[in-house]
């Protein structure tokens, strides 16, 4: 008999499972949520706006001609439901060391809150004003390569854009990401030892440059990929740390994308792979990502748009993109820092992110449905109160 005492070796379990890190949330701190009480039933909020009056000069002994006035209605619809469904069997609930239903439900609630943050950060697209490199002494129409030399000018320009549209000074905010926060900290250096260096409640960092600064790793990001022709076999692109490999033969490797007969056909396959909503044919047009990589893309809120000859990307966070073929360029790599007045965007959460447990018919277990129901809108009168600051993300690695 060979020597073997491993059967007597004791094993131990940690008191807690490993941590999953989520993005911190700031949506509630920045949005106006007052209409939630009004819209506790129904699905539509009407909020009309009136036309502008103009001052005219009166000439004595002449008739006054009245100007026309009108109104236009806008609506906020509560019509977006998000759910993170899963199932836990009663046997597992009985025998597992941890309450897995509650562990996963907690994760799901954080993921749903992350969606709300992305909704608010994405309202840069409704801002009346923008700040680009031309506003800080650079090139008009280009994004800003943010540095300690121009960081103060960036906020001064954003403030000027709001001032020009008569937006009140009170409650001005700036939603900043990790790289912007890093530049601000380097800029402050020894200048202001009293400035807060920790992220507080609802993501607030400090007050600086006339704005209350809120930290989020959910700033909107946009980019465009333009292949000059059909990708070659084994060529790759990378989005938010997730690699896609273009192949002549589909194989079984997660993240493979089949090269079609034309560039447009290949882009169709690529968009179907990235969106993950069942377009195309899995196993023929692409091979689904691993669970870990699918989670990365969803956490970053990646949305892919097929431009026939280009791929458009919208995401959230400090996103890095890359390509293995030097001529197939990524362009318009912008991060959108959002500045404005708090409450500019209305957010109605009719069903807050919480969890429902439902008994599974013909099974010994429960279906778990963490879900929420919401609607949002930046109404016409508040678009002036937002500024899109275009940050150059092309050099990020």
Protein backbone atom coordinates (compact mmCIF):
# COMPACT_ATOMS: atom_id res chain seq x y z
CA UNK A 1 0.00 0.00 0.00
CA UNK A 2 1.37 3.43 -0.96
CA UNK A 3 1.76 6.23 1.54
CA UNK A 4 -1.30 8.57 1.45
CA UNK A 5 -2.72 10.48 4.42
CA UNK A 6 -4.62 13.15 2.45
CA UNK A 7 -7.94 11.65 3.54
CA UNK A 8 -7.24 13.03 7.02
CA UNK A 9 -6.45 16.60 5.93
CA UNK A 10 -8.99 19.08 7.26
CA UNK A 11 -10.56 21.66 4.96
CA UNK A 12 -12.02 25.01 5.92
CA UNK A 13 -14.52 27.44 4.40
CA UNK A 14 -14.12 31.22 4.53
CA UNK A 15 -16.79 33.05 6.51
CA UNK A 16 -17.62 35.22 3.49
CA UNK A 17 -17.55 34.64 -0.24
CA UNK A 18 -15.23 36.59 -2.50
CA UNK A 19 -16.23 40.18 -3.22
CA UNK A 20 -17.70 41.37 -6.49
CA UNK A 21 -16.98 45.06 -7.07
CA UNK A 22 -19.65 47.28 -8.61
CA UNK A 23 -19.68 50.86 -9.82
CA UNK A 24 -20.86 53.39 -7.24
CA UNK A 25 -24.13 55.15 -8.05
CA UNK A 26 -24.93 58.87 -8.28
CA UNK A 27 -28.13 59.05 -10.36
CA UNK A 28 -30.44 59.89 -7.47
CA UNK A 29 -28.14 62.70 -6.32
CA UNK A 30 -28.18 64.44 -9.73
CA UNK A 31 -31.66 63.79 -11.15
CA UNK A 32 -34.97 65.33 -10.17
CA UNK A 33 -37.13 62.61 -8.62
CA UNK A 34 -40.00 64.82 -7.40
CA UNK A 35 -42.49 63.46 -9.94
CA UNK A 36 -42.32 59.97 -8.48
CA UNK A 37 -45.05 60.86 -5.98
CA UNK A 38 -47.31 62.18 -8.75
CA UNK A 39 -46.73 59.26 -11.08
CA UNK A 40 -47.32 56.45 -8.59
CA UNK A 41 -49.92 55.15 -11.05
CA UNK A 42 -50.30 55.56 -14.79
CA UNK A 43 -47.44 55.67 -17.24
CA UNK A 44 -47.26 59.21 -18.65
CA UNK A 45 -46.32 62.63 -17.28
CA UNK A 46 -47.30 65.66 -19.39
CA UNK A 47 -45.22 68.80 -19.04
CA UNK A 48 -45.90 71.50 -21.67
CA UNK A 49 -43.69 74.52 -22.33
CA UNK A 50 -44.72 77.94 -23.59
CA UNK A 51 -43.33 80.10 -26.37
CA UNK A 52 -41.01 83.02 -25.63
CA UNK A 53 -42.20 86.61 -25.53
CA UNK A 54 -40.21 89.49 -26.97
CA UNK A 55 -40.09 93.11 -25.87
CA UNK A 56 -41.34 95.59 -28.50
CA UNK A 57 -41.10 99.36 -28.77
CA UNK A 58 -44.35 101.25 -28.50
CA UNK A 59 -44.93 104.27 -30.75
CA UNK A 60 -47.51 106.66 -29.38
CA UNK A 61 -50.80 106.95 -31.20
CA UNK A 62 -50.24 103.68 -33.06
CA UNK A 63 -51.97 100.36 -32.62
CA UNK A 64 -50.20 97.67 -30.67
CA UNK A 65 -49.88 94.39 -32.56
CA UNK A 66 -50.04 91.45 -30.20
CA UNK A 67 -47.53 88.70 -30.72
CA UNK A 68 -48.62 85.09 -31.08
CA UNK A 69 -48.23 82.78 -28.12
CA UNK A 70 -48.31 79.01 -28.17
CA UNK A 71 -47.62 75.93 -26.14
CA UNK A 72 -45.99 72.58 -26.87
CA UNK A 73 -46.51 69.47 -24.80
CA UNK A 74 -43.77 66.99 -23.87
CA UNK A 75 -44.23 63.67 -22.18
CA UNK A 76 -42.18 61.50 -19.86
CA UNK A 77 -43.15 57.86 -20.25
CA UNK A 78 -42.55 55.26 -17.57
CA UNK A 79 -42.08 52.37 -19.94
CA UNK A 80 -38.70 50.77 -19.29
CA UNK A 81 -38.57 47.61 -17.19
CA UNK A 82 -35.33 45.81 -16.36
CA UNK A 83 -35.09 42.40 -14.72
CA UNK A 84 -32.23 40.12 -13.59
CA UNK A 85 -33.95 36.71 -13.28
CA UNK A 86 -32.50 33.55 -11.74
CA UNK A 87 -33.62 30.35 -10.00
CA UNK A 88 -32.54 28.72 -6.75
CA UNK A 89 -33.63 25.18 -5.86
CA UNK A 90 -34.85 24.45 -2.34
CA UNK A 91 -32.31 21.66 -1.94
CA UNK A 92 -29.48 24.07 -2.66
CA UNK A 93 -31.07 26.64 -0.36
CA UNK A 94 -31.06 24.01 2.38
CA UNK A 95 -27.59 22.61 1.82
CA UNK A 96 -25.53 25.61 0.68
CA UNK A 97 -23.33 27.33 3.23
CA UNK A 98 -24.63 30.74 2.13
CA UNK A 99 -28.07 32.07 1.23
CA UNK A 100 -27.38 32.24 -2.50
CA UNK A 101 -30.76 33.75 -3.36
CA UNK A 102 -29.98 36.78 -1.21
CA UNK A 103 -26.38 37.00 -2.40
CA UNK A 104 -27.41 37.06 -6.06
CA UNK A 105 -30.34 39.37 -5.35
CA UNK A 106 -27.97 41.88 -3.78
CA UNK A 107 -25.72 41.72 -6.85
CA UNK A 108 -28.73 42.22 -9.11
CA UNK A 109 -29.87 45.34 -7.28
CA UNK A 110 -26.43 46.90 -7.74
CA UNK A 111 -26.58 46.07 -11.44
CA UNK A 112 -30.00 47.70 -11.80
CA UNK A 113 -28.79 50.85 -10.03
CA UNK A 114 -25.87 50.88 -12.45
CA UNK A 115 -28.37 51.09 -15.32
CA UNK A 116 -29.95 54.20 -13.78
CA UNK A 117 -26.54 55.89 -13.53
CA UNK A 118 -25.91 55.21 -17.21
CA UNK A 119 -29.30 56.72 -18.07
CA UNK A 120 -28.40 60.00 -16.37
CA UNK A 121 -24.82 60.12 -17.73
CA UNK A 122 -26.16 59.47 -21.24
CA UNK A 123 -28.18 62.71 -21.17
CA UNK A 124 -25.08 64.53 -22.45
CA UNK A 125 -26.68 63.95 -25.85
CA UNK A 126 -29.55 66.29 -24.91
CA UNK A 127 -27.33 69.14 -23.71
CA UNK A 128 -27.80 72.44 -25.53
CA UNK A 129 -24.14 73.35 -25.13
CA UNK A 130 -20.83 71.56 -25.45
CA UNK A 131 -17.24 72.29 -24.59
CA UNK A 132 -14.47 71.07 -26.90
CA UNK A 133 -10.80 71.81 -27.47
CA UNK A 134 -11.59 75.10 -29.18
CA UNK A 135 -13.11 76.43 -25.96
CA UNK A 136 -9.83 75.98 -24.08
CA UNK A 137 -7.46 77.46 -26.66
CA UNK A 138 -7.13 74.44 -28.94
CA UNK A 139 -8.76 73.20 -32.14
CA UNK A 140 -12.47 73.72 -32.74
CA UNK A 141 -14.37 70.48 -33.19
CA UNK A 142 -11.76 68.32 -31.45
CA UNK A 143 -12.01 66.68 -28.05
CA UNK A 144 -9.95 67.94 -25.12
CA UNK A 145 -6.81 66.09 -24.03
CA UNK A 146 -7.30 66.99 -20.39
CA UNK A 147 -4.22 67.98 -18.36
CA UNK A 148 -3.34 69.92 -15.22
CA UNK A 149 -2.62 72.89 -17.51
CA UNK A 150 -6.12 73.13 -18.92
CA UNK A 151 -8.35 71.54 -16.26
CA UNK A 152 -9.38 74.90 -14.79
CA UNK A 153 -10.14 76.28 -18.27
CA UNK A 154 -12.38 73.29 -18.95
CA UNK A 155 -14.61 74.06 -15.98
CA UNK A 156 -14.49 77.79 -16.66
CA UNK A 157 -15.70 77.16 -20.22
CA UNK A 158 -18.52 74.91 -18.97
CA UNK A 159 -19.55 77.58 -16.48
CA UNK A 160 -19.52 80.22 -19.22
CA UNK A 161 -21.81 78.11 -21.41
CA UNK A 162 -24.30 77.85 -18.53
CA UNK A 163 -23.99 81.57 -17.72
CA UNK A 164 -24.78 82.49 -21.32
CA UNK A 165 -28.10 80.66 -21.03
CA UNK A 166 -28.99 82.26 -17.67
CA UNK A 167 -28.68 79.03 -15.70
CA UNK A 168 -28.56 79.80 -11.94
CA UNK A 169 -25.25 79.46 -10.13
CA UNK A 170 -26.77 77.34 -7.39
CA UNK A 171 -26.58 73.55 -7.45
CA UNK A 172 -24.20 73.27 -10.38
CA UNK A 173 -22.62 69.84 -10.69
CA UNK A 174 -19.94 68.12 -12.74
CA UNK A 175 -19.98 64.36 -13.19
CA UNK A 176 -16.34 63.28 -13.44
CA UNK A 177 -14.64 59.94 -14.09
CA UNK A 178 -11.48 58.35 -12.65
CA UNK A 179 -9.06 59.97 -15.10
CA UNK A 180 -10.57 63.42 -14.66
CA UNK A 181 -10.46 63.01 -10.88
CA UNK A 182 -6.79 62.04 -11.16
CA UNK A 183 -5.99 65.22 -13.10
CA UNK A 184 -7.88 67.36 -10.58
CA UNK A 185 -5.97 65.81 -7.70
CA UNK A 186 -2.67 66.45 -9.48
CA UNK A 187 -3.76 70.02 -10.24
CA UNK A 188 -4.71 70.70 -6.63
CA UNK A 189 -1.51 69.15 -5.30
CA UNK A 190 -0.34 71.32 -2.44
CA UNK A 191 -2.56 74.25 -3.41
CA UNK A 192 -5.54 73.24 -1.32
CA UNK A 193 -4.83 70.86 1.53
CA UNK A 194 -8.38 71.27 2.81
CA UNK A 195 -9.95 69.83 -0.36
CA UNK A 196 -11.68 66.54 0.20
CA UNK A 197 -9.80 63.56 -1.16
CA UNK A 198 -12.38 60.91 -0.38
CA UNK A 199 -15.58 60.05 -2.21
CA UNK A 200 -18.53 60.67 0.08
CA UNK A 201 -22.25 59.98 0.02
CA UNK A 202 -23.81 59.73 -3.43
CA UNK A 203 -20.39 60.05 -5.06
CA UNK A 204 -19.69 63.64 -4.05
CA UNK A 205 -15.97 64.36 -4.02
CA UNK A 206 -15.52 68.07 -3.40
CA UNK A 207 -16.57 71.52 -4.53
CA UNK A 208 -14.21 73.07 -7.04
CA UNK A 209 -14.25 75.48 -10.00
CA UNK A 210 -17.79 76.58 -9.08
CA UNK A 211 -19.19 73.03 -9.34
CA UNK A 212 -20.04 70.27 -6.92
CA UNK A 213 -17.96 67.39 -8.24
CA UNK A 214 -19.50 63.92 -8.30
CA UNK A 215 -17.47 60.84 -9.09
CA UNK A 216 -18.77 58.07 -11.32
CA UNK A 217 -17.21 55.33 -13.42
CA UNK A 218 -20.26 55.60 -15.67
CA UNK A 219 -19.42 58.60 -17.84
CA UNK A 220 -20.64 58.05 -21.39
CA UNK A 221 -18.08 56.98 -24.00
CA UNK A 222 -18.42 56.97 -27.78
CA UNK A 223 -16.14 55.65 -30.53
CA UNK A 224 -16.23 54.53 -34.16
CA UNK A 225 -14.29 51.65 -35.75
CA UNK A 226 -13.70 51.81 -39.50
CA UNK A 227 -12.13 48.76 -41.17
CA UNK A 228 -10.65 49.67 -44.56
CA UNK A 229 -11.69 46.24 -45.86
CA UNK A 230 -12.78 42.85 -44.59
CA UNK A 231 -10.69 41.84 -41.54
CA UNK A 232 -8.04 39.18 -42.11
CA UNK A 233 -8.09 35.83 -40.33
CA UNK A 234 -6.99 36.11 -36.67
CA UNK A 235 -7.31 39.94 -36.66
CA UNK A 236 -8.68 41.29 -33.37
CA UNK A 237 -10.40 44.27 -31.84
CA UNK A 238 -10.75 44.96 -28.13
CA UNK A 239 -13.55 46.82 -26.35
CA UNK A 240 -13.50 47.44 -22.59
CA UNK A 241 -10.99 44.63 -22.08
CA UNK A 242 -12.96 42.10 -24.15
CA UNK A 243 -11.32 40.69 -27.29
CA UNK A 244 -13.09 39.74 -30.52
CA UNK A 245 -11.18 37.53 -33.00
CA UNK A 246 -12.16 37.46 -36.67
CA UNK A 247 -11.88 34.00 -38.20
CA UNK A 248 -12.44 32.25 -41.53
CA UNK A 249 -13.70 29.12 -39.77
CA UNK A 250 -15.89 29.81 -36.76
CA UNK A 251 -14.46 27.14 -34.41
CA UNK A 252 -15.49 27.04 -30.75
CA UNK A 253 -13.41 29.76 -29.08
CA UNK A 254 -15.51 32.28 -27.18
CA UNK A 255 -15.49 35.71 -28.85
CA UNK A 256 -14.84 34.43 -32.38
CA UNK A 257 -16.56 36.40 -35.15
CA UNK A 258 -16.99 34.86 -38.59
CA UNK A 259 -15.60 36.82 -41.53
CA UNK A 260 -18.46 37.25 -44.01
CA UNK A 261 -18.33 37.63 -47.77
CA UNK A 262 -18.21 41.41 -47.45
CA UNK A 263 -17.13 43.91 -44.79
CA UNK A 264 -20.79 44.74 -44.23
CA UNK A 265 -21.62 41.08 -43.60
CA UNK A 266 -18.76 40.79 -41.12
CA UNK A 267 -19.97 43.88 -39.29
CA UNK A 268 -23.44 42.33 -39.08
CA UNK A 269 -21.92 39.32 -37.32
CA UNK A 270 -19.87 41.58 -35.06
CA UNK A 271 -22.87 43.65 -33.95
CA UNK A 272 -24.88 40.50 -33.27
CA UNK A 273 -22.04 39.17 -31.12
CA UNK A 274 -21.60 42.41 -29.17
CA UNK A 275 -25.27 43.07 -28.52
CA UNK A 276 -25.91 39.58 -27.17
CA UNK A 277 -29.65 39.69 -27.90
CA UNK A 278 -29.89 36.67 -30.19
CA UNK A 279 -29.33 38.21 -33.62
CA UNK A 280 -27.60 36.06 -36.22
CA UNK A 281 -26.78 32.42 -35.53
CA UNK A 282 -24.57 31.52 -32.60
CA UNK A 283 -22.02 28.86 -33.54
CA UNK A 284 -22.16 29.92 -37.20
CA UNK A 285 -21.84 33.72 -37.30
CA UNK A 286 -20.07 34.05 -33.95
CA UNK A 287 -19.24 32.20 -30.74
CA UNK A 288 -20.80 33.68 -27.60
CA UNK A 289 -18.49 35.38 -25.11
CA UNK A 290 -17.58 33.75 -21.83
CA UNK A 291 -19.80 34.70 -18.90
CA UNK A 292 -17.02 36.87 -17.47
CA UNK A 293 -16.57 38.83 -20.71
CA UNK A 294 -20.31 39.19 -21.28
CA UNK A 295 -20.52 40.63 -17.77
CA UNK A 296 -17.74 43.12 -18.58
CA UNK A 297 -19.59 44.35 -21.66
CA UNK A 298 -22.90 44.62 -19.85
CA UNK A 299 -21.36 46.38 -16.87
CA UNK A 300 -19.86 48.91 -19.28
CA UNK A 301 -23.25 49.31 -20.97
CA UNK A 302 -21.78 48.59 -24.39
CA UNK A 303 -24.22 49.20 -27.26
CA UNK A 304 -23.04 48.49 -30.81
CA UNK A 305 -24.48 50.16 -33.91
CA UNK A 306 -24.03 48.82 -37.43
CA UNK A 307 -23.08 51.62 -39.82
CA UNK A 308 -22.67 49.23 -42.81
CA UNK A 309 -19.02 50.21 -43.24
CA UNK A 310 -18.39 51.27 -39.64
CA UNK A 311 -19.04 50.07 -36.10
CA UNK A 312 -20.36 52.62 -33.62
CA UNK A 313 -19.88 52.06 -29.90
CA UNK A 314 -21.58 53.68 -26.93
CA UNK A 315 -20.51 52.64 -23.45
CA UNK A 316 -20.02 53.92 -19.92
CA UNK A 317 -16.79 54.25 -17.97
CA UNK A 318 -13.09 54.75 -18.75
CA UNK A 319 -13.30 52.51 -21.79
CA UNK A 320 -10.28 51.53 -23.87
CA UNK A 321 -10.59 50.23 -27.45
CA UNK A 322 -7.88 48.75 -29.67
CA UNK A 323 -7.33 46.98 -32.98
CA UNK A 324 -4.62 44.64 -34.24
CA UNK A 325 -4.67 46.01 -37.81
CA UNK A 326 -3.04 49.42 -37.97
CA UNK A 327 -5.18 50.76 -40.83
CA UNK A 328 -8.50 49.73 -39.28
CA UNK A 329 -8.74 52.78 -37.09
CA UNK A 330 -10.77 53.69 -34.04
CA UNK A 331 -11.84 57.33 -34.19
CA UNK A 332 -14.00 59.86 -32.31
CA UNK A 333 -13.01 58.30 -29.02
CA UNK A 334 -14.78 60.68 -26.65
CA UNK A 335 -15.69 60.52 -23.00
CA UNK A 336 -18.53 62.88 -22.18
CA UNK A 337 -18.15 64.71 -18.87
CA UNK A 338 -21.58 66.00 -17.90
CA UNK A 339 -21.92 69.42 -16.30
CA UNK A 340 -25.05 71.33 -15.42
CA UNK A 341 -27.63 72.12 -12.80
CA UNK A 342 -28.84 69.38 -10.49
CA UNK A 343 -32.36 68.22 -11.31
CA UNK A 344 -32.10 69.03 -15.02
CA UNK A 345 -33.16 65.49 -15.88
CA UNK A 346 -36.38 64.07 -14.47
CA UNK A 347 -36.16 60.46 -13.32
CA UNK A 348 -39.32 58.63 -12.28
CA UNK A 349 -38.65 55.25 -10.68
CA UNK A 350 -42.13 53.78 -10.36
CA UNK A 351 -40.78 50.45 -9.17
CA UNK A 352 -37.54 50.79 -7.26
CA UNK A 353 -34.91 48.06 -7.75
CA UNK A 354 -36.10 45.31 -5.41
CA UNK A 355 -36.67 41.58 -5.38
CA UNK A 356 -39.69 39.34 -5.84
CA UNK A 357 -39.66 35.61 -5.01
CA UNK A 358 -42.09 33.35 -6.83
CA UNK A 359 -42.65 29.65 -6.18
CA UNK A 360 -41.68 27.53 -9.18
CA UNK A 361 -44.48 25.28 -10.35
CA UNK A 362 -43.50 21.58 -10.50
CA UNK A 363 -40.13 22.36 -8.87
CA UNK A 364 -38.78 22.54 -5.34
CA UNK A 365 -37.46 26.03 -5.60
CA UNK A 366 -38.07 29.71 -6.23
CA UNK A 367 -37.69 32.01 -9.18
CA UNK A 368 -36.05 35.25 -8.10
CA UNK A 369 -36.90 38.43 -10.01
CA UNK A 370 -34.96 41.55 -9.08
CA UNK A 371 -36.57 44.24 -11.26
CA UNK A 372 -37.42 47.91 -11.66
CA UNK A 373 -39.68 50.14 -13.75
CA UNK A 374 -38.65 53.66 -14.66
CA UNK A 375 -38.81 56.53 -17.12
CA UNK A 376 -36.66 59.61 -17.64
CA UNK A 377 -36.49 62.75 -19.71
CA UNK A 378 -34.65 66.04 -19.96
CA UNK A 379 -37.49 68.37 -20.86
CA UNK A 380 -36.98 71.24 -23.32
CA UNK A 381 -36.71 73.87 -20.61
CA UNK A 382 -33.85 72.02 -18.95
CA UNK A 383 -31.66 71.14 -21.93
CA UNK A 384 -30.02 74.55 -21.52
CA UNK A 385 -28.99 73.46 -18.03
CA UNK A 386 -26.68 70.68 -19.31
CA UNK A 387 -23.25 70.90 -20.95
CA UNK A 388 -21.44 68.09 -22.76
CA UNK A 389 -17.67 68.34 -22.15
CA UNK A 390 -15.90 66.24 -24.79
CA UNK A 391 -12.79 64.55 -23.39
CA UNK A 392 -10.26 62.94 -25.74
CA UNK A 393 -9.95 59.24 -24.89
CA UNK A 394 -7.88 58.21 -27.93
CA UNK A 395 -4.62 57.83 -25.98
CA UNK A 396 -6.06 55.76 -23.15
CA UNK A 397 -4.54 52.36 -22.51
